């Protein structure tokens, strides 16, 4: 049996290409045109999403609706998990979230990190931090490999 060994430089270059392609995939999703947000893959199993909350996301009591929390938390956890998968798009199968503080207008950072799983099912966590540095929400998601090839998605490209 022939075994191919990849040098650390080649491995990190390949990972970097995958990370940039995931960032382009995020940017290409039509839903993300509705939000002022930007994804950065910061390393294996880690993502960072910067998001601007505006009054357009408010519920009747004048703070961001829970759907915005879910979007930010799910995206951050999802992309952290998908850094570990280079061939398939992951799907969210469940997500639990906790609201700890209402957020109004301003910048919010969602930090995602992979927790466990490397084959079919992945678990990742995320948290939301407001401009004051306070945690405003936290979530845990379960994601599984789909039959959708990453390379077949228009946004996931080499450049």
N, C-alpha and C. Protein backbone atom coordinates (compact mmCIF):
# COMPACT_ATOMS: atom_id res chain seq x y z
N UNK A 1 0.84 -1.17 0.00
CA UNK A 1 0.00 0.00 0.00
C UNK A 1 0.89 1.23 0.00
N UNK A 2 0.63 2.14 -0.91
CA UNK A 2 1.40 3.36 -1.01
C UNK A 2 0.78 4.43 -0.13
N UNK A 3 1.60 5.12 0.62
CA UNK A 3 1.12 6.15 1.52
C UNK A 3 1.70 7.49 1.12
N UNK A 4 0.87 8.52 1.06
CA UNK A 4 1.34 9.86 0.70
C UNK A 4 1.39 10.68 1.97
N UNK A 5 2.54 11.27 2.21
CA UNK A 5 2.72 12.11 3.39
C UNK A 5 2.75 13.56 2.94
N UNK A 6 1.93 14.38 3.55
CA UNK A 6 1.87 15.80 3.22
C UNK A 6 2.70 16.58 4.23
N UNK A 7 3.56 17.43 3.72
CA UNK A 7 4.38 18.24 4.62
C UNK A 7 3.50 19.24 5.36
N UNK A 8 3.96 19.74 6.54
CA UNK A 8 3.15 20.73 7.28
C UNK A 8 2.85 21.97 6.45
N UNK A 9 3.81 22.38 5.60
CA UNK A 9 3.58 23.57 4.77
C UNK A 9 2.47 23.32 3.77
N UNK A 10 2.49 22.13 3.11
CA UNK A 10 1.45 21.80 2.15
C UNK A 10 0.11 21.64 2.85
N UNK A 11 0.13 21.01 4.01
CA UNK A 11 -1.10 20.81 4.77
C UNK A 11 -1.72 22.13 5.17
N UNK A 12 -0.92 23.05 5.69
CA UNK A 12 -1.47 24.34 6.13
C UNK A 12 -1.91 25.17 4.94
N UNK A 13 -1.22 25.02 3.79
CA UNK A 13 -1.64 25.74 2.59
C UNK A 13 -3.00 25.23 2.14
N UNK A 14 -3.18 23.89 2.13
CA UNK A 14 -4.46 23.30 1.76
C UNK A 14 -5.56 23.72 2.70
N UNK A 15 -5.25 23.75 4.00
CA UNK A 15 -6.24 24.18 4.98
C UNK A 15 -6.62 25.64 4.73
N UNK A 16 -5.63 26.47 4.46
CA UNK A 16 -5.90 27.88 4.18
C UNK A 16 -6.79 28.07 2.97
N UNK A 17 -6.57 27.26 1.93
CA UNK A 17 -7.42 27.34 0.74
C UNK A 17 -8.86 26.95 1.09
N UNK A 18 -9.00 25.89 1.89
CA UNK A 18 -10.33 25.45 2.33
C UNK A 18 -11.01 26.54 3.16
N UNK A 19 -10.26 27.17 4.07
CA UNK A 19 -10.83 28.21 4.92
C UNK A 19 -11.31 29.40 4.08
N UNK A 20 -10.49 29.84 3.11
CA UNK A 20 -10.89 30.98 2.27
C UNK A 20 -12.11 30.61 1.43
N UNK A 21 -12.17 29.34 0.95
CA UNK A 21 -13.33 28.90 0.17
C UNK A 21 -14.59 28.89 1.03
N UNK A 22 -14.47 28.49 2.31
CA UNK A 22 -15.62 28.55 3.22
C UNK A 22 -16.08 29.99 3.43
N UNK A 23 -15.14 30.91 3.55
CA UNK A 23 -15.50 32.33 3.70
C UNK A 23 -16.24 32.82 2.47
N UNK A 24 -15.80 32.43 1.27
CA UNK A 24 -16.50 32.81 0.04
C UNK A 24 -17.88 32.16 -0.03
N UNK A 25 -17.97 30.92 0.44
CA UNK A 25 -19.26 30.24 0.47
C UNK A 25 -20.25 31.01 1.33
N UNK A 26 -19.81 31.43 2.52
CA UNK A 26 -20.67 32.23 3.40
C UNK A 26 -21.12 33.50 2.69
N UNK A 27 -20.17 34.21 2.08
CA UNK A 27 -20.49 35.49 1.43
C UNK A 27 -21.45 35.31 0.25
N UNK A 28 -21.41 34.14 -0.39
CA UNK A 28 -22.24 33.92 -1.58
C UNK A 28 -23.68 33.53 -1.25
N UNK A 29 -23.96 33.13 -0.03
CA UNK A 29 -25.32 32.70 0.32
C UNK A 29 -26.28 33.88 0.21
N UNK A 30 -27.35 33.74 -0.55
CA UNK A 30 -28.30 34.85 -0.73
C UNK A 30 -28.80 35.46 0.58
N UNK A 31 -29.03 34.64 1.60
CA UNK A 31 -29.54 35.16 2.87
C UNK A 31 -28.58 36.16 3.49
N UNK A 32 -27.29 35.99 3.25
CA UNK A 32 -26.32 36.89 3.88
C UNK A 32 -26.28 38.27 3.25
N UNK A 33 -26.93 38.45 2.12
CA UNK A 33 -27.06 39.78 1.53
C UNK A 33 -27.98 40.66 2.39
N UNK A 34 -28.78 40.02 3.25
CA UNK A 34 -29.71 40.76 4.12
C UNK A 34 -29.03 41.33 5.36
N UNK A 35 -27.78 40.91 5.62
CA UNK A 35 -27.10 41.29 6.86
C UNK A 35 -25.74 41.90 6.57
N UNK A 36 -25.34 42.81 7.44
CA UNK A 36 -23.99 43.36 7.40
C UNK A 36 -23.13 42.44 8.26
N UNK A 37 -22.53 41.43 7.62
CA UNK A 37 -21.76 40.45 8.37
C UNK A 37 -20.58 39.96 7.55
N UNK A 38 -19.56 39.50 8.26
CA UNK A 38 -18.38 38.95 7.59
C UNK A 38 -17.82 37.79 8.40
N UNK A 39 -17.55 36.69 7.71
CA UNK A 39 -17.01 35.49 8.33
C UNK A 39 -15.50 35.44 8.14
N UNK A 40 -14.81 35.04 9.20
CA UNK A 40 -13.37 34.75 9.13
C UNK A 40 -13.17 33.38 9.75
N UNK A 41 -12.47 32.52 9.01
CA UNK A 41 -12.06 31.24 9.58
C UNK A 41 -10.69 31.50 10.18
N UNK A 42 -10.57 31.32 11.48
CA UNK A 42 -9.33 31.71 12.18
C UNK A 42 -8.42 30.53 12.48
N UNK A 43 -8.83 29.33 12.10
CA UNK A 43 -8.01 28.14 12.32
C UNK A 43 -8.88 26.91 12.32
N UNK A 44 -8.26 25.76 12.42
CA UNK A 44 -9.02 24.52 12.42
C UNK A 44 -9.99 24.50 13.60
N UNK A 45 -11.27 24.30 13.27
CA UNK A 45 -12.29 24.22 14.30
C UNK A 45 -12.67 25.55 14.92
N UNK A 46 -12.29 26.66 14.27
CA UNK A 46 -12.59 27.98 14.85
C UNK A 46 -13.04 28.97 13.77
N UNK A 47 -14.08 29.72 14.12
CA UNK A 47 -14.58 30.75 13.21
C UNK A 47 -14.92 32.01 14.01
N UNK A 48 -15.01 33.10 13.27
CA UNK A 48 -15.37 34.39 13.87
C UNK A 48 -16.28 35.10 12.88
N UNK A 49 -17.42 35.53 13.37
CA UNK A 49 -18.40 36.22 12.53
C UNK A 49 -18.64 37.59 13.14
N UNK A 50 -18.39 38.63 12.35
CA UNK A 50 -18.68 40.00 12.80
C UNK A 50 -19.99 40.42 12.15
N UNK A 51 -20.88 40.94 12.96
CA UNK A 51 -22.24 41.19 12.55
C UNK A 51 -22.68 42.55 13.08
N UNK A 52 -23.36 43.34 12.27
CA UNK A 52 -23.91 44.61 12.72
C UNK A 52 -25.41 44.47 12.87
N UNK A 53 -25.89 44.70 14.08
CA UNK A 53 -27.33 44.63 14.37
C UNK A 53 -27.91 46.03 14.16
N UNK A 54 -29.02 46.09 13.43
CA UNK A 54 -29.72 47.35 13.19
C UNK A 54 -31.16 47.22 13.68
N UNK A 55 -31.87 48.33 13.69
CA UNK A 55 -33.27 48.32 14.12
C UNK A 55 -34.15 47.42 13.26
N UNK A 56 -33.73 47.12 12.05
CA UNK A 56 -34.51 46.25 11.17
C UNK A 56 -34.66 44.85 11.74
N UNK A 57 -33.79 44.48 12.69
CA UNK A 57 -33.84 43.14 13.29
C UNK A 57 -34.59 43.13 14.63
N UNK A 58 -35.19 44.26 15.01
CA UNK A 58 -35.85 44.37 16.32
C UNK A 58 -37.21 43.69 16.36
N UNK A 59 -37.54 43.18 17.55
CA UNK A 59 -38.91 42.74 17.81
C UNK A 59 -39.68 43.95 18.36
N UNK A 60 -40.91 43.77 18.74
CA UNK A 60 -41.77 44.89 19.15
C UNK A 60 -41.29 45.62 20.40
N UNK A 61 -40.47 44.99 21.23
CA UNK A 61 -40.00 45.63 22.45
C UNK A 61 -38.66 46.36 22.27
N UNK A 62 -38.15 46.46 21.05
CA UNK A 62 -36.99 47.30 20.78
C UNK A 62 -35.63 46.68 20.99
N UNK A 63 -35.51 45.39 20.81
CA UNK A 63 -34.20 44.72 20.85
C UNK A 63 -34.17 43.67 19.75
N UNK A 64 -33.00 43.13 19.48
CA UNK A 64 -32.86 42.15 18.38
C UNK A 64 -33.72 40.92 18.64
N UNK A 65 -34.41 40.48 17.61
CA UNK A 65 -35.24 39.28 17.68
C UNK A 65 -34.34 38.05 17.81
N UNK A 66 -34.86 37.01 18.44
CA UNK A 66 -34.10 35.78 18.65
C UNK A 66 -33.61 35.11 17.38
N UNK A 67 -34.29 35.36 16.26
CA UNK A 67 -33.84 34.77 15.01
C UNK A 67 -32.44 35.27 14.64
N UNK A 68 -32.13 36.50 15.02
CA UNK A 68 -30.80 37.06 14.74
C UNK A 68 -29.76 36.35 15.59
N UNK A 69 -30.08 36.11 16.85
CA UNK A 69 -29.16 35.36 17.72
C UNK A 69 -28.89 33.98 17.11
N UNK A 70 -29.99 33.30 16.72
CA UNK A 70 -29.83 31.97 16.14
C UNK A 70 -28.95 32.01 14.90
N UNK A 71 -29.20 32.94 14.01
CA UNK A 71 -28.42 33.03 12.77
C UNK A 71 -26.94 33.17 13.07
N UNK A 72 -26.60 34.09 13.95
CA UNK A 72 -25.18 34.32 14.26
C UNK A 72 -24.56 33.11 14.94
N UNK A 73 -25.25 32.55 15.92
CA UNK A 73 -24.70 31.40 16.66
C UNK A 73 -24.58 30.17 15.77
N UNK A 74 -25.61 29.88 14.98
CA UNK A 74 -25.59 28.73 14.09
C UNK A 74 -24.48 28.87 13.05
N UNK A 75 -24.38 30.03 12.42
CA UNK A 75 -23.35 30.23 11.40
C UNK A 75 -21.95 30.05 11.97
N UNK A 76 -21.70 30.63 13.14
CA UNK A 76 -20.36 30.53 13.73
C UNK A 76 -20.02 29.08 14.08
N UNK A 77 -20.95 28.36 14.68
CA UNK A 77 -20.70 26.96 15.04
C UNK A 77 -20.58 26.09 13.79
N UNK A 78 -21.48 26.30 12.83
CA UNK A 78 -21.46 25.53 11.59
C UNK A 78 -20.12 25.65 10.89
N UNK A 79 -19.65 26.87 10.68
CA UNK A 79 -18.41 27.05 9.93
C UNK A 79 -17.20 26.56 10.73
N UNK A 80 -17.24 26.64 12.04
CA UNK A 80 -16.16 26.05 12.84
C UNK A 80 -16.10 24.55 12.59
N UNK A 81 -17.25 23.89 12.58
CA UNK A 81 -17.29 22.45 12.33
C UNK A 81 -16.89 22.12 10.90
N UNK A 82 -17.33 22.93 9.92
CA UNK A 82 -17.05 22.61 8.52
C UNK A 82 -15.58 22.81 8.14
N UNK A 83 -14.79 23.45 9.04
CA UNK A 83 -13.34 23.53 8.77
C UNK A 83 -12.72 22.14 8.78
N UNK A 84 -13.35 21.19 9.47
CA UNK A 84 -12.81 19.84 9.58
C UNK A 84 -13.25 18.93 8.44
N UNK A 85 -14.12 19.42 7.59
CA UNK A 85 -14.66 18.61 6.49
C UNK A 85 -14.37 19.35 5.18
N UNK A 86 -13.57 18.73 4.32
CA UNK A 86 -13.18 19.40 3.09
C UNK A 86 -13.95 18.93 1.87
N UNK A 87 -14.76 17.89 2.01
CA UNK A 87 -15.45 17.37 0.83
C UNK A 87 -16.96 17.58 0.84
N UNK A 88 -17.57 17.72 2.00
CA UNK A 88 -19.04 17.78 2.08
C UNK A 88 -19.52 19.00 2.86
N UNK A 89 -20.69 19.44 2.50
CA UNK A 89 -21.39 20.50 3.21
C UNK A 89 -22.05 19.87 4.43
N UNK A 90 -21.92 20.50 5.57
CA UNK A 90 -22.58 20.01 6.77
C UNK A 90 -24.00 20.57 6.85
N UNK A 91 -24.85 19.87 7.57
CA UNK A 91 -26.22 20.33 7.82
C UNK A 91 -26.45 20.40 9.32
N UNK A 92 -27.13 21.44 9.77
CA UNK A 92 -27.49 21.56 11.18
C UNK A 92 -28.62 20.58 11.46
N UNK A 93 -28.41 19.70 12.45
CA UNK A 93 -29.46 18.75 12.81
C UNK A 93 -30.16 19.15 14.10
N UNK A 94 -29.47 19.89 14.96
CA UNK A 94 -30.09 20.44 16.16
C UNK A 94 -29.26 21.61 16.64
N UNK A 95 -29.91 22.50 17.36
CA UNK A 95 -29.19 23.65 17.91
C UNK A 95 -29.92 24.13 19.16
N UNK A 96 -29.17 24.25 20.24
CA UNK A 96 -29.71 24.79 21.50
C UNK A 96 -29.08 26.15 21.74
N UNK A 97 -29.90 27.11 22.13
CA UNK A 97 -29.31 28.42 22.41
C UNK A 97 -29.85 29.01 23.70
N UNK A 98 -29.03 29.88 24.25
CA UNK A 98 -29.35 30.56 25.51
C UNK A 98 -29.14 32.05 25.31
N UNK A 99 -30.16 32.82 25.64
CA UNK A 99 -30.07 34.27 25.56
C UNK A 99 -29.68 34.79 26.93
N UNK A 100 -28.65 35.62 26.99
CA UNK A 100 -28.22 36.13 28.30
C UNK A 100 -28.35 37.64 28.43
N UNK A 101 -28.50 38.35 27.32
CA UNK A 101 -28.63 39.80 27.38
C UNK A 101 -29.23 40.29 26.07
N UNK A 102 -30.19 41.22 26.13
CA UNK A 102 -30.72 41.76 24.88
C UNK A 102 -29.67 42.62 24.18
N UNK A 103 -29.74 42.63 22.86
CA UNK A 103 -28.81 43.47 22.12
C UNK A 103 -29.62 44.44 21.25
N UNK A 104 -29.11 45.62 21.16
CA UNK A 104 -29.71 46.63 20.31
C UNK A 104 -28.74 46.92 19.18
N UNK A 105 -28.77 48.09 18.63
CA UNK A 105 -27.89 48.40 17.51
C UNK A 105 -26.42 48.28 17.90
N UNK A 106 -25.62 47.82 16.96
CA UNK A 106 -24.18 47.78 17.18
C UNK A 106 -23.53 46.52 16.66
N UNK A 107 -22.25 46.43 16.89
CA UNK A 107 -21.46 45.29 16.44
C UNK A 107 -21.58 44.14 17.44
N UNK A 108 -21.68 42.95 16.88
CA UNK A 108 -21.70 41.72 17.67
C UNK A 108 -20.71 40.77 17.02
N UNK A 109 -19.94 40.07 17.84
CA UNK A 109 -19.01 39.07 17.35
C UNK A 109 -19.50 37.71 17.80
N UNK A 110 -19.57 36.79 16.85
CA UNK A 110 -19.91 35.40 17.15
C UNK A 110 -18.63 34.59 16.99
N UNK A 111 -18.26 33.89 18.05
CA UNK A 111 -17.06 33.04 18.01
C UNK A 111 -17.52 31.60 18.06
N UNK A 112 -17.08 30.82 17.07
CA UNK A 112 -17.46 29.41 17.02
C UNK A 112 -16.25 28.52 17.20
N UNK A 113 -16.46 27.39 17.88
CA UNK A 113 -15.36 26.41 17.98
C UNK A 113 -15.91 24.99 18.01
N UNK A 114 -15.19 24.12 17.34
CA UNK A 114 -15.52 22.71 17.26
C UNK A 114 -15.27 22.06 18.62
N UNK A 115 -16.15 21.15 19.02
CA UNK A 115 -16.05 20.46 20.30
C UNK A 115 -15.70 18.99 20.12
N UNK A 116 -16.44 18.29 19.25
CA UNK A 116 -16.18 16.86 19.08
C UNK A 116 -16.73 16.36 17.76
N UNK A 117 -16.30 15.14 17.39
CA UNK A 117 -16.75 14.49 16.18
C UNK A 117 -15.84 14.78 15.01
N UNK A 118 -15.51 13.72 14.25
CA UNK A 118 -14.66 13.92 13.08
C UNK A 118 -15.08 13.03 11.91
N UNK A 119 -16.16 12.34 12.04
CA UNK A 119 -16.57 11.44 10.96
C UNK A 119 -17.88 11.89 10.35
N UNK A 120 -18.97 11.54 10.97
CA UNK A 120 -20.28 11.84 10.40
C UNK A 120 -21.00 12.96 11.15
N UNK A 121 -20.90 12.96 12.48
CA UNK A 121 -21.59 13.96 13.30
C UNK A 121 -20.55 14.81 14.03
N UNK A 122 -20.81 16.11 14.04
CA UNK A 122 -19.90 17.08 14.66
C UNK A 122 -20.68 17.91 15.66
N UNK A 123 -20.04 18.29 16.74
CA UNK A 123 -20.63 19.18 17.73
C UNK A 123 -19.75 20.43 17.80
N UNK A 124 -20.39 21.58 17.77
CA UNK A 124 -19.65 22.85 17.87
C UNK A 124 -20.45 23.81 18.74
N UNK A 125 -19.73 24.70 19.39
CA UNK A 125 -20.33 25.71 20.25
C UNK A 125 -20.01 27.09 19.71
N UNK A 126 -20.82 28.05 20.12
CA UNK A 126 -20.57 29.43 19.74
C UNK A 126 -21.09 30.35 20.83
N UNK A 127 -20.55 31.55 20.82
CA UNK A 127 -21.02 32.56 21.77
C UNK A 127 -21.03 33.91 21.08
N UNK A 128 -21.89 34.79 21.59
CA UNK A 128 -22.03 36.14 21.05
C UNK A 128 -21.51 37.14 22.07
N UNK A 129 -20.72 38.08 21.58
CA UNK A 129 -20.14 39.13 22.42
C UNK A 129 -20.56 40.48 21.84
N UNK A 130 -21.11 41.36 22.70
CA UNK A 130 -21.52 42.68 22.21
C UNK A 130 -20.34 43.67 22.27
N UNK A 131 -20.61 44.90 21.86
CA UNK A 131 -19.56 45.93 21.81
C UNK A 131 -18.97 46.24 23.19
N UNK A 132 -19.72 45.98 24.23
CA UNK A 132 -19.24 46.24 25.59
C UNK A 132 -18.40 45.08 26.12
N UNK A 133 -18.29 44.01 25.34
CA UNK A 133 -17.51 42.85 25.77
C UNK A 133 -18.31 41.84 26.57
N UNK A 134 -19.62 42.04 26.66
CA UNK A 134 -20.48 41.13 27.42
C UNK A 134 -20.97 39.99 26.54
N UNK A 135 -21.06 38.80 27.12
CA UNK A 135 -21.67 37.69 26.40
C UNK A 135 -23.17 37.92 26.39
N UNK A 136 -23.77 37.84 25.20
CA UNK A 136 -25.21 38.07 25.08
C UNK A 136 -25.97 36.81 24.68
N UNK A 137 -25.23 35.77 24.31
CA UNK A 137 -25.87 34.52 23.93
C UNK A 137 -24.84 33.43 23.74
N UNK A 138 -25.33 32.19 23.80
CA UNK A 138 -24.45 31.02 23.67
C UNK A 138 -25.25 29.90 23.05
N UNK A 139 -24.60 29.04 22.27
CA UNK A 139 -25.31 27.94 21.65
C UNK A 139 -24.42 26.74 21.39
N UNK A 140 -25.08 25.60 21.23
CA UNK A 140 -24.41 24.35 20.89
C UNK A 140 -25.19 23.69 19.78
N UNK A 141 -24.47 23.31 18.72
CA UNK A 141 -25.12 22.69 17.58
C UNK A 141 -24.56 21.33 17.25
N UNK A 142 -25.40 20.52 16.64
CA UNK A 142 -24.99 19.22 16.11
C UNK A 142 -25.14 19.31 14.59
N UNK A 143 -24.11 18.89 13.90
CA UNK A 143 -24.05 19.00 12.45
C UNK A 143 -23.66 17.65 11.87
N UNK A 144 -24.21 17.32 10.71
CA UNK A 144 -23.82 16.05 10.09
C UNK A 144 -23.49 16.26 8.62
N UNK A 145 -22.66 15.36 8.13
CA UNK A 145 -22.29 15.39 6.71
C UNK A 145 -23.53 15.20 5.86
N UNK A 146 -23.61 15.96 4.79
CA UNK A 146 -24.69 15.79 3.82
C UNK A 146 -24.12 15.06 2.61
N UNK A 147 -24.96 14.89 1.61
CA UNK A 147 -24.52 14.31 0.34
C UNK A 147 -24.13 15.42 -0.63
N UNK A 148 -24.14 16.66 -0.15
CA UNK A 148 -23.83 17.82 -1.00
C UNK A 148 -22.33 18.04 -1.01
N UNK A 149 -21.76 18.00 -2.19
CA UNK A 149 -20.32 18.21 -2.34
C UNK A 149 -20.00 19.70 -2.22
N UNK A 150 -19.02 20.04 -1.41
CA UNK A 150 -18.61 21.45 -1.30
C UNK A 150 -18.15 21.98 -2.65
N UNK A 151 -17.37 21.18 -3.37
CA UNK A 151 -16.82 21.65 -4.65
C UNK A 151 -17.90 21.90 -5.69
N UNK A 152 -19.09 21.35 -5.48
CA UNK A 152 -20.20 21.57 -6.41
C UNK A 152 -21.00 22.83 -6.12
N UNK A 153 -20.72 23.48 -5.01
CA UNK A 153 -21.46 24.69 -4.65
C UNK A 153 -20.80 25.91 -5.31
N UNK A 154 -21.60 26.79 -5.94
CA UNK A 154 -21.02 27.92 -6.67
C UNK A 154 -20.13 28.83 -5.82
N UNK A 155 -20.46 29.02 -4.55
CA UNK A 155 -19.67 29.94 -3.71
C UNK A 155 -18.37 29.33 -3.22
N UNK A 156 -18.28 28.02 -3.19
CA UNK A 156 -17.07 27.34 -2.70
C UNK A 156 -16.14 27.15 -3.88
N UNK A 157 -15.25 28.11 -4.04
CA UNK A 157 -14.36 28.08 -5.20
C UNK A 157 -12.93 28.35 -4.78
N UNK A 158 -12.03 28.02 -5.68
CA UNK A 158 -10.60 28.25 -5.40
C UNK A 158 -10.27 29.73 -5.41
N UNK A 159 -11.07 30.54 -6.03
CA UNK A 159 -10.83 31.99 -6.03
C UNK A 159 -11.95 32.74 -6.65
